[in-house]
């Protein structure tokens, strides 16, 4: 859960809780007190943490949209042109899925 997402630039833990996890839990009393001091304990600090978390989530959302657009542009760059058909052209038509649609349409019909 501590690996940064390439698209957002944030870890899932950070986006969910607003901070990064500690690798080892604090084992001594002075470290435990330091961890308690790191957490917001009044309303102003709590509101600041909430705003920071909302900003991080908005940044991650924007980064996801930007990466989605970049991926779509990269995929469209290699896409071939749409085929053009004229009246009278001979084409192959796959009807493999049509039997299932016909059978699911109405109980009074059967496939021949």
PDB file of N, CA and C in Angstrom:
ATOM      1  N   UNK A   1       0.809  -1.198   0.000  1.00  0.00           N
ATOM      2  CA  UNK A   1       0.000   0.000   0.000  1.00  0.00           C
ATOM      3  C   UNK A   1       0.855   1.266   0.000  1.00  0.00           C
ATOM      4  N   UNK A   2       2.190   1.137   0.081  1.00  0.00           N
ATOM      5  CA  UNK A   2       3.040   2.309   0.127  1.00  0.00           C
ATOM      6  C   UNK A   2       3.637   2.628  -1.238  1.00  0.00           C
ATOM      7  N   UNK A   3       3.216   1.947  -2.278  1.00  0.00           N
ATOM      8  CA  UNK A   3       3.735   2.199  -3.613  1.00  0.00           C
ATOM      9  C   UNK A   3       2.922   3.296  -4.275  1.00  0.00           C
ATOM     10  N   UNK A   4       3.627   4.282  -4.830  1.00  0.00           N
ATOM     11  CA  UNK A   4       2.933   5.383  -5.492  1.00  0.00           C
ATOM     12  C   UNK A   4       2.340   4.919  -6.809  1.00  0.00           C
ATOM     13  N   UNK A   5       1.137   5.368  -7.091  1.00  0.00           N
ATOM     14  CA  UNK A   5       0.488   5.088  -8.357  1.00  0.00           C
ATOM     15  C   UNK A   5       1.126   5.967  -9.424  1.00  0.00           C
ATOM     16  N   UNK A   6       1.433   5.375 -10.572  1.00  0.00           N
ATOM     17  CA  UNK A   6       2.092   6.133 -11.632  1.00  0.00           C
ATOM     18  C   UNK A   6       1.185   7.225 -12.194  1.00  0.00           C
ATOM     19  N   UNK A   7      -0.116   6.990 -12.203  1.00  0.00           N
ATOM     20  CA  UNK A   7      -1.035   7.979 -12.772  1.00  0.00           C
ATOM     21  C   UNK A   7      -1.320   9.131 -11.822  1.00  0.00           C
ATOM     22  N   UNK A   8      -1.489   8.834 -10.530  1.00  0.00           N
ATOM     23  CA  UNK A   8      -1.874   9.886  -9.584  1.00  0.00           C
ATOM     24  C   UNK A   8      -0.685  10.530  -8.892  1.00  0.00           C
ATOM     25  N   UNK A   9       0.386   9.758  -8.676  1.00  0.00           N
ATOM     26  CA  UNK A   9       1.524  10.276  -7.934  1.00  0.00           C
ATOM     27  C   UNK A   9       1.358  10.157  -6.433  1.00  0.00           C
ATOM     28  N   UNK A  10       0.291   9.529  -5.973  1.00  0.00           N
ATOM     29  CA  UNK A  10       0.025   9.343  -4.556  1.00  0.00           C
ATOM     30  C   UNK A  10      -0.119   7.862  -4.239  1.00  0.00           C
ATOM     31  N   UNK A  11       0.096   7.507  -2.980  1.00  0.00           N
ATOM     32  CA  UNK A  11      -0.176   6.143  -2.551  1.00  0.00           C
ATOM     33  C   UNK A  11      -1.650   6.034  -2.176  1.00  0.00           C
ATOM     34  N   UNK A  12      -2.254   4.854  -2.305  1.00  0.00           N
ATOM     35  CA  UNK A  12      -3.649   4.710  -1.874  1.00  0.00           C
ATOM     36  C   UNK A  12      -3.828   5.034  -0.387  1.00  0.00           C
ATOM     37  N   UNK A  13      -2.852   4.673   0.428  1.00  0.00           N
ATOM     38  CA  UNK A  13      -2.911   4.964   1.863  1.00  0.00           C
ATOM     39  C   UNK A  13      -2.991   6.466   2.092  1.00  0.00           C
ATOM     40  N   UNK A  14      -2.178   7.234   1.352  1.00  0.00           N
ATOM     41  CA  UNK A  14      -2.170   8.686   1.516  1.00  0.00           C
ATOM     42  C   UNK A  14      -3.505   9.302   1.098  1.00  0.00           C
ATOM     43  N   UNK A  15      -4.079   8.817   0.010  1.00  0.00           N
ATOM     44  CA  UNK A  15      -5.357   9.374  -0.436  1.00  0.00           C
ATOM     45  C   UNK A  15      -6.491   8.989   0.491  1.00  0.00           C
ATOM     46  N   UNK A  16      -6.348   7.860   1.181  1.00  0.00           N
ATOM     47  CA  UNK A  16      -7.421   7.427   2.080  1.00  0.00           C
ATOM     48  C   UNK A  16      -7.311   8.089   3.452  1.00  0.00           C
ATOM     49  N   UNK A  17      -6.088   8.185   3.986  1.00  0.00           N
ATOM     50  CA  UNK A  17      -5.919   8.695   5.345  1.00  0.00           C
ATOM     51  C   UNK A  17      -5.224  10.049   5.424  1.00  0.00           C
ATOM     52  N   UNK A  18      -4.668  10.542   4.312  1.00  0.00           N
ATOM     53  CA  UNK A  18      -4.047  11.846   4.328  1.00  0.00           C
ATOM     54  C   UNK A  18      -2.619  11.859   4.825  1.00  0.00           C
ATOM     55  N   UNK A  19      -2.006  10.714   5.012  1.00  0.00           N
ATOM     56  CA  UNK A  19      -0.614  10.644   5.453  1.00  0.00           C
ATOM     57  C   UNK A  19      -0.016   9.345   4.944  1.00  0.00           C
ATOM     58  N   UNK A  20       1.297   9.256   5.002  1.00  0.00           N
ATOM     59  CA  UNK A  20       1.949   8.022   4.589  1.00  0.00           C
ATOM     60  C   UNK A  20       2.159   7.133   5.810  1.00  0.00           C
ATOM     61  N   UNK A  21       2.119   5.817   5.626  1.00  0.00           N
ATOM     62  CA  UNK A  21       2.265   4.928   6.786  1.00  0.00           C
ATOM     63  C   UNK A  21       3.703   4.865   7.268  1.00  0.00           C
ATOM     64  N   UNK A  22       3.869   4.554   8.541  1.00  0.00           N
ATOM     65  CA  UNK A  22       5.202   4.345   9.098  1.00  0.00           C
ATOM     66  C   UNK A  22       5.619   2.916   8.800  1.00  0.00           C
ATOM     67  N   UNK A  23       6.891   2.740   8.488  1.00  0.00           N
ATOM     68  CA  UNK A  23       7.375   1.396   8.211  1.00  0.00           C
ATOM     69  C   UNK A  23       7.421   0.550   9.478  1.00  0.00           C
ATOM     70  N   UNK A  24       7.884   1.137  10.570  1.00  0.00           N
ATOM     71  CA  UNK A  24       7.917   0.444  11.860  1.00  0.00           C
ATOM     72  C   UNK A  24       7.098   1.245  12.862  1.00  0.00           C
ATOM     73  N   UNK A  25       6.313   0.578  13.672  1.00  0.00           N
ATOM     74  CA  UNK A  25       5.549   1.339  14.678  1.00  0.00           C
ATOM     75  C   UNK A  25       6.494   1.867  15.751  1.00  0.00           C
ATOM     76  N   UNK A  26       6.121   2.958  16.408  1.00  0.00           N
ATOM     77  CA  UNK A  26       6.975   3.487  17.473  1.00  0.00           C
ATOM     78  C   UNK A  26       7.007   2.506  18.648  1.00  0.00           C
ATOM     79  N   UNK A  27       8.214   2.254  19.153  1.00  0.00           N
ATOM     80  CA  UNK A  27       8.366   1.250  20.200  1.00  0.00           C
ATOM     81  C   UNK A  27       8.716   1.850  21.552  1.00  0.00           C
ATOM     82  N   UNK A  28       9.231   3.054  21.585  1.00  0.00           N
ATOM     83  CA  UNK A  28       9.611   3.661  22.850  1.00  0.00           C
ATOM     84  C   UNK A  28       8.613   4.752  23.214  1.00  0.00           C
ATOM     85  N   UNK A  29       8.491   5.065  24.497  1.00  0.00           N
ATOM     86  CA  UNK A  29       7.505   6.070  24.917  1.00  0.00           C
ATOM     87  C   UNK A  29       7.720   7.444  24.283  1.00  0.00           C
ATOM     88  N   UNK A  30       8.998   7.859  24.085  1.00  0.00           N
ATOM     89  CA  UNK A  30       9.215   9.185  23.489  1.00  0.00           C
ATOM     90  C   UNK A  30       8.783   9.209  22.024  1.00  0.00           C
ATOM     91  N   UNK A  31       8.934   8.093  21.325  1.00  0.00           N
ATOM     92  CA  UNK A  31       8.460   8.031  19.939  1.00  0.00           C
ATOM     93  C   UNK A  31       6.934   8.020  19.876  1.00  0.00           C
ATOM     94  N   UNK A  32       6.312   7.360  20.844  1.00  0.00           N
ATOM     95  CA  UNK A  32       4.848   7.338  20.890  1.00  0.00           C
ATOM     96  C   UNK A  32       4.315   8.749  21.120  1.00  0.00           C
ATOM     97  N   UNK A  33       4.942   9.501  22.008  1.00  0.00           N
ATOM     98  CA  UNK A  33       4.519  10.886  22.252  1.00  0.00           C
ATOM     99  C   UNK A  33       4.749  11.750  21.019  1.00  0.00           C
ATOM    100  N   UNK A  34       5.832  11.496  20.270  1.00  0.00           N
ATOM    101  CA  UNK A  34       6.096  12.258  19.045  1.00  0.00           C
ATOM    102  C   UNK A  34       5.019  11.970  18.003  1.00  0.00           C
ATOM    103  N   UNK A  35       4.589  10.715  17.900  1.00  0.00           N
ATOM    104  CA  UNK A  35       3.526  10.359  16.957  1.00  0.00           C
ATOM    105  C   UNK A  35       2.232  11.049  17.350  1.00  0.00           C
ATOM    106  N   UNK A  36       1.942  11.090  18.645  1.00  0.00           N
ATOM    107  CA  UNK A  36       0.726  11.781  19.100  1.00  0.00           C
ATOM    108  C   UNK A  36       0.783  13.265  18.785  1.00  0.00           C
ATOM    109  N   UNK A  37       1.977  13.867  18.867  1.00  0.00           N
ATOM    110  CA  UNK A  37       2.121  15.289  18.552  1.00  0.00           C
ATOM    111  C   UNK A  37       1.956  15.556  17.062  1.00  0.00           C
ATOM    112  N   UNK A  38       2.260  14.553  16.222  1.00  0.00           N
ATOM    113  CA  UNK A  38       2.136  14.732  14.773  1.00  0.00           C
ATOM    114  C   UNK A  38       0.685  14.802  14.324  1.00  0.00           C
ATOM    115  N   UNK A  39      -0.220  14.172  15.049  1.00  0.00           N
ATOM    116  CA  UNK A  39      -1.629  14.175  14.668  1.00  0.00           C
ATOM    117  C   UNK A  39      -2.289  15.471  15.124  1.00  0.00           C
ATOM    118  N   UNK A  40      -3.245  15.952  14.328  1.00  0.00           N
ATOM    119  CA  UNK A  40      -3.919  17.196  14.741  1.00  0.00           C
ATOM    120  C   UNK A  40      -4.773  16.951  15.979  1.00  0.00           C
ATOM    121  N   UNK A  41      -4.668  17.880  16.938  1.00  0.00           N
ATOM    122  CA  UNK A  41      -5.422  17.710  18.181  1.00  0.00           C
ATOM    123  C   UNK A  41      -6.373  18.867  18.452  1.00  0.00           C
ATOM    124  N   UNK A  42      -6.436  19.826  17.560  1.00  0.00           N
ATOM    125  CA  UNK A  42      -7.418  20.882  17.721  1.00  0.00           C
ATOM    126  C   UNK A  42      -8.171  21.070  16.404  1.00  0.00           C
ATOM    127  N   UNK A  43      -9.198  21.883  16.451  1.00  0.00           N
ATOM    128  CA  UNK A  43     -10.092  22.027  15.300  1.00  0.00           C
ATOM    129  C   UNK A  43      -9.366  22.657  14.114  1.00  0.00           C
ATOM    130  N   UNK A  44      -8.526  23.648  14.338  1.00  0.00           N
ATOM    131  CA  UNK A  44      -7.837  24.312  13.225  1.00  0.00           C
ATOM    132  C   UNK A  44      -6.917  23.340  12.496  1.00  0.00           C
ATOM    133  N   UNK A  45      -6.165  22.537  13.250  1.00  0.00           N
ATOM    134  CA  UNK A  45      -5.275  21.567  12.616  1.00  0.00           C
ATOM    135  C   UNK A  45      -6.072  20.475  11.912  1.00  0.00           C
ATOM    136  N   UNK A  46      -7.196  20.083  12.494  1.00  0.00           N
ATOM    137  CA  UNK A  46      -8.021  19.051  11.860  1.00  0.00           C
ATOM    138  C   UNK A  46      -8.610  19.569  10.550  1.00  0.00           C
ATOM    139  N   UNK A  47      -9.096  20.815  10.563  1.00  0.00           N
ATOM    140  CA  UNK A  47      -9.632  21.396   9.328  1.00  0.00           C
ATOM    141  C   UNK A  47      -8.543  21.549   8.268  1.00  0.00           C
ATOM    142  N   UNK A  48      -7.343  21.911   8.687  1.00  0.00           N
ATOM    143  CA  UNK A  48      -6.225  22.021   7.750  1.00  0.00           C
ATOM    144  C   UNK A  48      -5.891  20.656   7.152  1.00  0.00           C
ATOM    145  N   UNK A  49      -5.929  19.608   7.969  1.00  0.00           N
ATOM    146  CA  UNK A  49      -5.660  18.252   7.467  1.00  0.00           C
ATOM    147  C   UNK A  49      -6.738  17.824   6.483  1.00  0.00           C
ATOM    148  N   UNK A  50      -7.995  18.176   6.762  1.00  0.00           N
ATOM    149  CA  UNK A  50      -9.096  17.811   5.853  1.00  0.00           C
ATOM    150  C   UNK A  50      -8.950  18.547   4.523  1.00  0.00           C
ATOM    151  N   UNK A  51      -8.633  19.826   4.568  1.00  0.00           N
ATOM    152  CA  UNK A  51      -8.442  20.596   3.335  1.00  0.00           C
ATOM    153  C   UNK A  51      -7.267  20.040   2.539  1.00  0.00           C
ATOM    154  N   UNK A  52      -6.190  19.687   3.225  1.00  0.00           N
ATOM    155  CA  UNK A  52      -5.024  19.107   2.554  1.00  0.00           C
ATOM    156  C   UNK A  52      -5.396  17.786   1.895  1.00  0.00           C
ATOM    157  N   UNK A  53      -6.168  16.965   2.587  1.00  0.00           N
ATOM    158  CA  UNK A  53      -6.598  15.681   2.031  1.00  0.00           C
ATOM    159  C   UNK A  53      -7.495  15.898   0.811  1.00  0.00           C
ATOM    160  N   UNK A  54      -8.420  16.847   0.893  1.00  0.00           N
ATOM    161  CA  UNK A  54      -9.284  17.139  -0.257  1.00  0.00           C
ATOM    162  C   UNK A  54      -8.475  17.666  -1.438  1.00  0.00           C
ATOM    163  N   UNK A  55      -7.474  18.470  -1.171  1.00  0.00           N
ATOM    164  CA  UNK A  55      -6.615  18.983  -2.238  1.00  0.00           C
ATOM    165  C   UNK A  55      -5.833  17.849  -2.889  1.00  0.00           C
ATOM    166  N   UNK A  56      -5.310  16.939  -2.069  1.00  0.00           N
ATOM    167  CA  UNK A  56      -4.573  15.796  -2.616  1.00  0.00           C
ATOM    168  C   UNK A  56      -5.471  14.915  -3.476  1.00  0.00           C
ATOM    169  N   UNK A  57      -6.704  14.703  -3.038  1.00  0.00           N
ATOM    170  CA  UNK A  57      -7.645  13.889  -3.815  1.00  0.00           C
ATOM    171  C   UNK A  57      -7.992  14.590  -5.133  1.00  0.00           C
ATOM    172  N   UNK A  58      -8.173  15.904  -5.096  1.00  0.00           N
ATOM    173  CA  UNK A  58      -8.458  16.646  -6.330  1.00  0.00           C
ATOM    174  C   UNK A  58      -7.259  16.592  -7.274  1.00  0.00           C
ATOM    175  N   UNK A  59      -6.042  16.700  -6.732  1.00  0.00           N
ATOM    176  CA  UNK A  59      -4.840  16.583  -7.565  1.00  0.00           C
ATOM    177  C   UNK A  59      -4.745  15.202  -8.198  1.00  0.00           C
ATOM    178  N   UNK A  60      -5.061  14.162  -7.419  1.00  0.00           N
ATOM    179  CA  UNK A  60      -5.020  12.798  -7.946  1.00  0.00           C
ATOM    180  C   UNK A  60      -6.075  12.613  -9.034  1.00  0.00           C
ATOM    181  N   UNK A  61      -7.258  13.195  -8.833  1.00  0.00           N
ATOM    182  CA  UNK A  61      -8.318  13.113  -9.843  1.00  0.00           C
ATOM    183  C   UNK A  61      -7.888  13.797 -11.136  1.00  0.00           C
ATOM    184  N   UNK A  62      -7.294  14.979 -11.011  1.00  0.00           N
ATOM    185  CA  UNK A  62      -6.804  15.689 -12.192  1.00  0.00           C
ATOM    186  C   UNK A  62      -5.705  14.902 -12.903  1.00  0.00           C
ATOM    187  N   UNK A  63      -4.820  14.285 -12.120  1.00  0.00           N
ATOM    188  CA  UNK A  63      -3.749  13.484 -12.717  1.00  0.00           C
ATOM    189  C   UNK A  63      -4.311  12.265 -13.435  1.00  0.00           C
ATOM    190  N   UNK A  64      -5.354  11.657 -12.879  1.00  0.00           N
ATOM    191  CA  UNK A  64      -5.993  10.516 -13.550  1.00  0.00           C
ATOM    192  C   UNK A  64      -6.631  10.948 -14.867  1.00  0.00           C
ATOM    193  N   UNK A  65      -7.303  12.081 -14.870  1.00  0.00           N
ATOM    194  CA  UNK A  65      -7.895  12.579 -16.112  1.00  0.00           C
ATOM    195  C   UNK A  65      -6.825  12.890 -17.156  1.00  0.00           C
ATOM    196  N   UNK A  66      -5.729  13.495 -16.722  1.00  0.00           N
ATOM    197  CA  UNK A  66      -4.647  13.812 -17.654  1.00  0.00           C
ATOM    198  C   UNK A  66      -4.027  12.543 -18.222  1.00  0.00           C
ATOM    199  N   UNK A  67      -3.837  11.530 -17.376  1.00  0.00           N
ATOM    200  CA  UNK A  67      -3.256  10.280 -17.883  1.00  0.00           C
ATOM    201  C   UNK A  67      -4.240   9.556 -18.789  1.00  0.00           C
ATOM    202  N   UNK A  68      -5.529   9.649 -18.509  1.00  0.00           N
ATOM    203  CA  UNK A  68      -6.530   9.035 -19.384  1.00  0.00           C
ATOM    204  C   UNK A  68      -6.519   9.686 -20.766  1.00  0.00           C
ATOM    205  N   UNK A  69      -6.400  11.009 -20.802  1.00  0.00           N
ATOM    206  CA  UNK A  69      -6.339  11.727 -22.077  1.00  0.00           C
ATOM    207  C   UNK A  69      -5.057  11.364 -22.833  1.00  0.00           C
ATOM    208  N   UNK A  70      -3.938  11.288 -22.101  1.00  0.00           N
ATOM    209  CA  UNK A  70      -2.669  10.941 -22.751  1.00  0.00           C
ATOM    210  C   UNK A  70      -2.710   9.520 -23.306  1.00  0.00           C
ATOM    211  N   UNK A  71      -3.318   8.588 -22.568  1.00  0.00           N
ATOM    212  CA  UNK A  71      -3.427   7.211 -23.047  1.00  0.00           C
ATOM    213  C   UNK A  71      -4.343   7.128 -24.259  1.00  0.00           C
ATOM    214  N   UNK A  72      -5.419   7.889 -24.264  1.00  0.00           N
ATOM    215  CA  UNK A  72      -6.329   7.882 -25.412  1.00  0.00           C
ATOM    216  C   UNK A  72      -5.642   8.462 -26.651  1.00  0.00           C
ATOM    217  N   UNK A  73      -4.873   9.517 -26.466  1.00  0.00           N
ATOM    218  CA  UNK A  73      -4.134  10.094 -27.601  1.00  0.00           C
ATOM    219  C   UNK A  73      -3.102   9.124 -28.142  1.00  0.00           C
ATOM    220  N   UNK A  74      -2.418   8.409 -27.243  1.00  0.00           N
ATOM    221  CA  UNK A  74      -1.416   7.440 -27.683  1.00  0.00           C
ATOM    222  C   UNK A  74      -2.078   6.277 -28.424  1.00  0.00           C
ATOM    223  N   UNK A  75      -3.237   5.836 -27.943  1.00  0.00           N
ATOM    224  CA  UNK A  75      -3.937   4.741 -28.614  1.00  0.00           C
ATOM    225  C   UNK A  75      -4.494   5.188 -29.957  1.00  0.00           C
ATOM    226  N   UNK A  76      -4.989   6.400 -30.038  1.00  0.00           N
ATOM    227  CA  UNK A  76      -5.557   6.898 -31.293  1.00  0.00           C
ATOM    228  C   UNK A  76      -4.487   7.193 -32.337  1.00  0.00           C
ATOM    229  N   UNK A  77      -3.254   7.422 -31.912  1.00  0.00           N
ATOM    230  CA  UNK A  77      -2.184   7.696 -32.866  1.00  0.00           C
ATOM    231  C   UNK A  77      -1.878   6.474 -33.722  1.00  0.00           C
ATOM    232  N   UNK A  78      -2.102   5.282 -33.184  1.00  0.00           N
ATOM    233  CA  UNK A  78      -1.791   4.046 -33.903  1.00  0.00           C
ATOM    234  C   UNK A  78      -3.029   3.411 -34.533  1.00  0.00           C
ATOM    235  N   UNK A  79      -4.140   4.057 -34.422  1.00  0.00           N
ATOM    236  CA  UNK A  79      -5.388   3.517 -34.956  1.00  0.00           C
ATOM    237  C   UNK A  79      -5.434   3.710 -36.473  1.00  0.00           C
ATOM    238  N   UNK A  80      -5.917   2.689 -37.160  1.00  0.00           N
ATOM    239  CA  UNK A  80      -6.028   2.810 -38.619  1.00  0.00           C
ATOM    240  C   UNK A  80      -7.321   3.542 -38.979  1.00  0.00           C
ATOM    241  N   UNK A  81      -7.388   3.980 -40.206  1.00  0.00           N
ATOM    242  CA  UNK A  81      -8.569   4.721 -40.658  1.00  0.00           C
ATOM    243  C   UNK A  81      -9.775   3.785 -40.751  1.00  0.00           C
ATOM    244  N   UNK A  82     -10.949   4.351 -40.585  1.00  0.00           N
ATOM    245  CA  UNK A  82     -12.175   3.564 -40.696  1.00  0.00           C
ATOM    246  C   UNK A  82     -12.347   3.081 -42.131  1.00  0.00           C
ATOM    247  N   UNK A  83     -12.802   1.835 -42.283  1.00  0.00           N
ATOM    248  CA  UNK A  83     -13.018   1.354 -43.658  1.00  0.00           C
ATOM    249  C   UNK A  83     -14.221   2.069 -44.283  1.00  0.00           C
ATOM    250  N   UNK A  84     -14.147   2.277 -45.570  1.00  0.00           N
ATOM    251  CA  UNK A  84     -15.270   2.909 -46.259  1.00  0.00           C
ATOM    252  C   UNK A  84     -15.908   1.873 -47.183  1.00  0.00           C
ATOM    253  N   UNK A  85     -17.206   1.728 -47.061  1.00  0.00           N
ATOM    254  CA  UNK A  85     -17.950   0.774 -47.873  1.00  0.00           C
ATOM    255  C   UNK A  85     -18.843   1.529 -48.849  1.00  0.00           C
ATOM    256  N   UNK A  86     -18.942   0.997 -50.022  1.00  0.00           N
ATOM    257  CA  UNK A  86     -19.813   1.555 -51.047  1.00  0.00           C
ATOM    258  C   UNK A  86     -20.945   0.568 -51.308  1.00  0.00           C
ATOM    259  N   UNK A  87     -22.027   1.042 -51.864  1.00  0.00           N
ATOM    260  CA  UNK A  87     -23.140   0.174 -52.232  1.00  0.00           C
ATOM    261  C   UNK A  87     -22.648  -0.821 -53.275  1.00  0.00           C
ATOM    262  N   UNK A  88     -22.900  -2.109 -53.016  1.00  0.00           N
ATOM    263  CA  UNK A  88     -22.480  -3.146 -53.940  1.00  0.00           C
ATOM    264  C   UNK A  88     -21.188  -3.834 -53.538  1.00  0.00           C
ATOM    265  N   UNK A  89     -20.496  -3.345 -52.494  1.00  0.00           N
ATOM    266  CA  UNK A  89     -19.281  -4.009 -52.023  1.00  0.00           C
ATOM    267  C   UNK A  89     -19.637  -5.325 -51.353  1.00  0.00           C
ATOM    268  N   UNK A  90     -18.802  -6.324 -51.505  1.00  0.00           N
ATOM    269  CA  UNK A  90     -18.989  -7.616 -50.852  1.00  0.00           C
ATOM    270  C   UNK A  90     -18.237  -7.610 -49.523  1.00  0.00           C
ATOM    271  N   UNK A  91     -18.939  -7.971 -48.451  1.00  0.00           N
ATOM    272  CA  UNK A  91     -18.336  -7.987 -47.117  1.00  0.00           C
ATOM    273  C   UNK A  91     -18.715  -9.273 -46.411  1.00  0.00           C
ATOM    274  N   UNK A  92     -17.920  -9.676 -45.434  1.00  0.00           N
ATOM    275  CA  UNK A  92     -18.251 -10.807 -44.578  1.00  0.00           C
ATOM    276  C   UNK A  92     -18.979 -10.288 -43.353  1.00  0.00           C
ATOM    277  N   UNK A  93     -20.021 -10.989 -42.936  1.00  0.00           N
ATOM    278  CA  UNK A  93     -20.812 -10.601 -41.782  1.00  0.00           C
ATOM    279  C   UNK A  93     -20.809 -11.750 -40.789  1.00  0.00           C
ATOM    280  N   UNK A  94     -20.337 -11.498 -39.569  1.00  0.00           N
ATOM    281  CA  UNK A  94     -20.321 -12.524 -38.537  1.00  0.00           C
ATOM    282  C   UNK A  94     -21.671 -12.521 -37.823  1.00  0.00           C
ATOM    283  N   UNK A  95     -22.308 -13.689 -37.763  1.00  0.00           N
ATOM    284  CA  UNK A  95     -23.607 -13.814 -37.083  1.00  0.00           C
ATOM    285  C   UNK A  95     -23.491 -14.753 -35.890  1.00  0.00           C
ATOM    286  N   UNK A  96     -22.306 -14.889 -35.298  1.00  0.00           N
ATOM    287  CA  UNK A  96     -22.102 -15.823 -34.196  1.00  0.00           C
ATOM    288  C   UNK A  96     -22.946 -15.459 -32.974  1.00  0.00           C
ATOM    289  N   UNK A  97     -23.128 -14.198 -32.701  1.00  0.00           N
ATOM    290  CA  UNK A  97     -23.880 -13.774 -31.522  1.00  0.00           C
ATOM    291  C   UNK A  97     -25.387 -13.662 -31.776  1.00  0.00           C
ATOM    292  N   UNK A  98     -25.808 -13.738 -32.990  1.00  0.00           N
ATOM    293  CA  UNK A  98     -27.222 -13.525 -33.316  1.00  0.00           C
ATOM    294  C   UNK A  98     -28.115 -14.632 -32.772  1.00  0.00           C
ATOM    295  N   UNK A  99     -27.648 -15.883 -32.725  1.00  0.00           N
ATOM    296  CA  UNK A  99     -28.465 -16.998 -32.229  1.00  0.00           C
ATOM    297  C   UNK A  99     -28.832 -16.763 -30.759  1.00  0.00           C
ATOM    298  N   UNK A 100     -27.869 -16.318 -29.965  1.00  0.00           N
ATOM    299  CA  UNK A 100     -28.133 -16.075 -28.546  1.00  0.00           C
ATOM    300  C   UNK A 100     -29.143 -14.949 -28.374  1.00  0.00           C
ATOM    301  N   UNK A 101     -29.013 -13.883 -29.146  1.00  0.00           N
ATOM    302  CA  UNK A 101     -29.970 -12.776 -29.067  1.00  0.00           C
ATOM    303  C   UNK A 101     -31.360 -13.225 -29.501  1.00  0.00           C
ATOM    304  N   UNK A 102     -31.412 -14.089 -30.497  1.00  0.00           N
ATOM    305  CA  UNK A 102     -32.700 -14.581 -30.972  1.00  0.00           C
ATOM    306  C   UNK A 102     -33.364 -15.445 -29.902  1.00  0.00           C
ATOM    307  N   UNK A 103     -32.587 -16.300 -29.252  1.00  0.00           N
ATOM    308  CA  UNK A 103     -33.150 -17.178 -28.228  1.00  0.00           C
ATOM    309  C   UNK A 103     -33.570 -16.400 -26.989  1.00  0.00           C
ATOM    310  N   UNK A 104     -32.887 -15.358 -26.636  1.00  0.00           N
ATOM    311  CA  UNK A 104     -33.232 -14.585 -25.450  1.00  0.00           C
ATOM    312  C   UNK A 104     -34.353 -13.596 -25.688  1.00  0.00           C
ATOM    313  N   UNK A 105     -34.766 -13.398 -26.908  1.00  0.00           N
ATOM    314  CA  UNK A 105     -35.789 -12.397 -27.222  1.00  0.00           C
ATOM    315  C   UNK A 105     -37.181 -12.784 -26.770  1.00  0.00           C
ATOM    316  N   UNK A 106     -37.626 -14.014 -27.032  1.00  0.00           N
ATOM    317  CA  UNK A 106     -38.982 -14.412 -26.736  1.00  0.00           C
ATOM    318  C   UNK A 106     -38.997 -15.931 -26.562  1.00  0.00           C
ATOM    319  N   UNK A 107     -39.785 -16.440 -25.654  1.00  0.00           N
ATOM    320  CA  UNK A 107     -39.822 -17.872 -25.391  1.00  0.00           C
ATOM    321  C   UNK A 107     -40.575 -18.654 -26.467  1.00  0.00           C
ATOM    322  N   UNK A 108     -41.332 -18.002 -27.302  1.00  0.00           N
ATOM    323  CA  UNK A 108     -42.128 -18.702 -28.309  1.00  0.00           C
ATOM    324  C   UNK A 108     -41.350 -18.966 -29.593  1.00  0.00           C
ATOM    325  N   UNK A 109     -40.085 -18.493 -29.657  1.00  0.00           N
ATOM    326  CA  UNK A 109     -39.300 -18.690 -30.859  1.00  0.00           C
ATOM    327  C   UNK A 109     -38.210 -19.741 -30.612  1.00  0.00           C
ATOM    328  N   UNK A 110     -37.800 -20.403 -31.643  1.00  0.00           N
ATOM    329  CA  UNK A 110     -36.685 -21.341 -31.566  1.00  0.00           C
ATOM    330  C   UNK A 110     -35.747 -21.053 -32.728  1.00  0.00           C
ATOM    331  N   UNK A 111     -34.477 -21.343 -32.517  1.00  0.00           N
ATOM    332  CA  UNK A 111     -33.496 -21.171 -33.588  1.00  0.00           C
ATOM    333  C   UNK A 111     -33.540 -22.393 -34.490  1.00  0.00           C
ATOM    334  N   UNK A 112     -33.450 -22.168 -35.794  1.00  0.00           N
ATOM    335  CA  UNK A 112     -33.495 -23.283 -36.738  1.00  0.00           C
ATOM    336  C   UNK A 112     -32.109 -23.657 -37.195  1.00  0.00           C
TER     337      UNK A 112
END
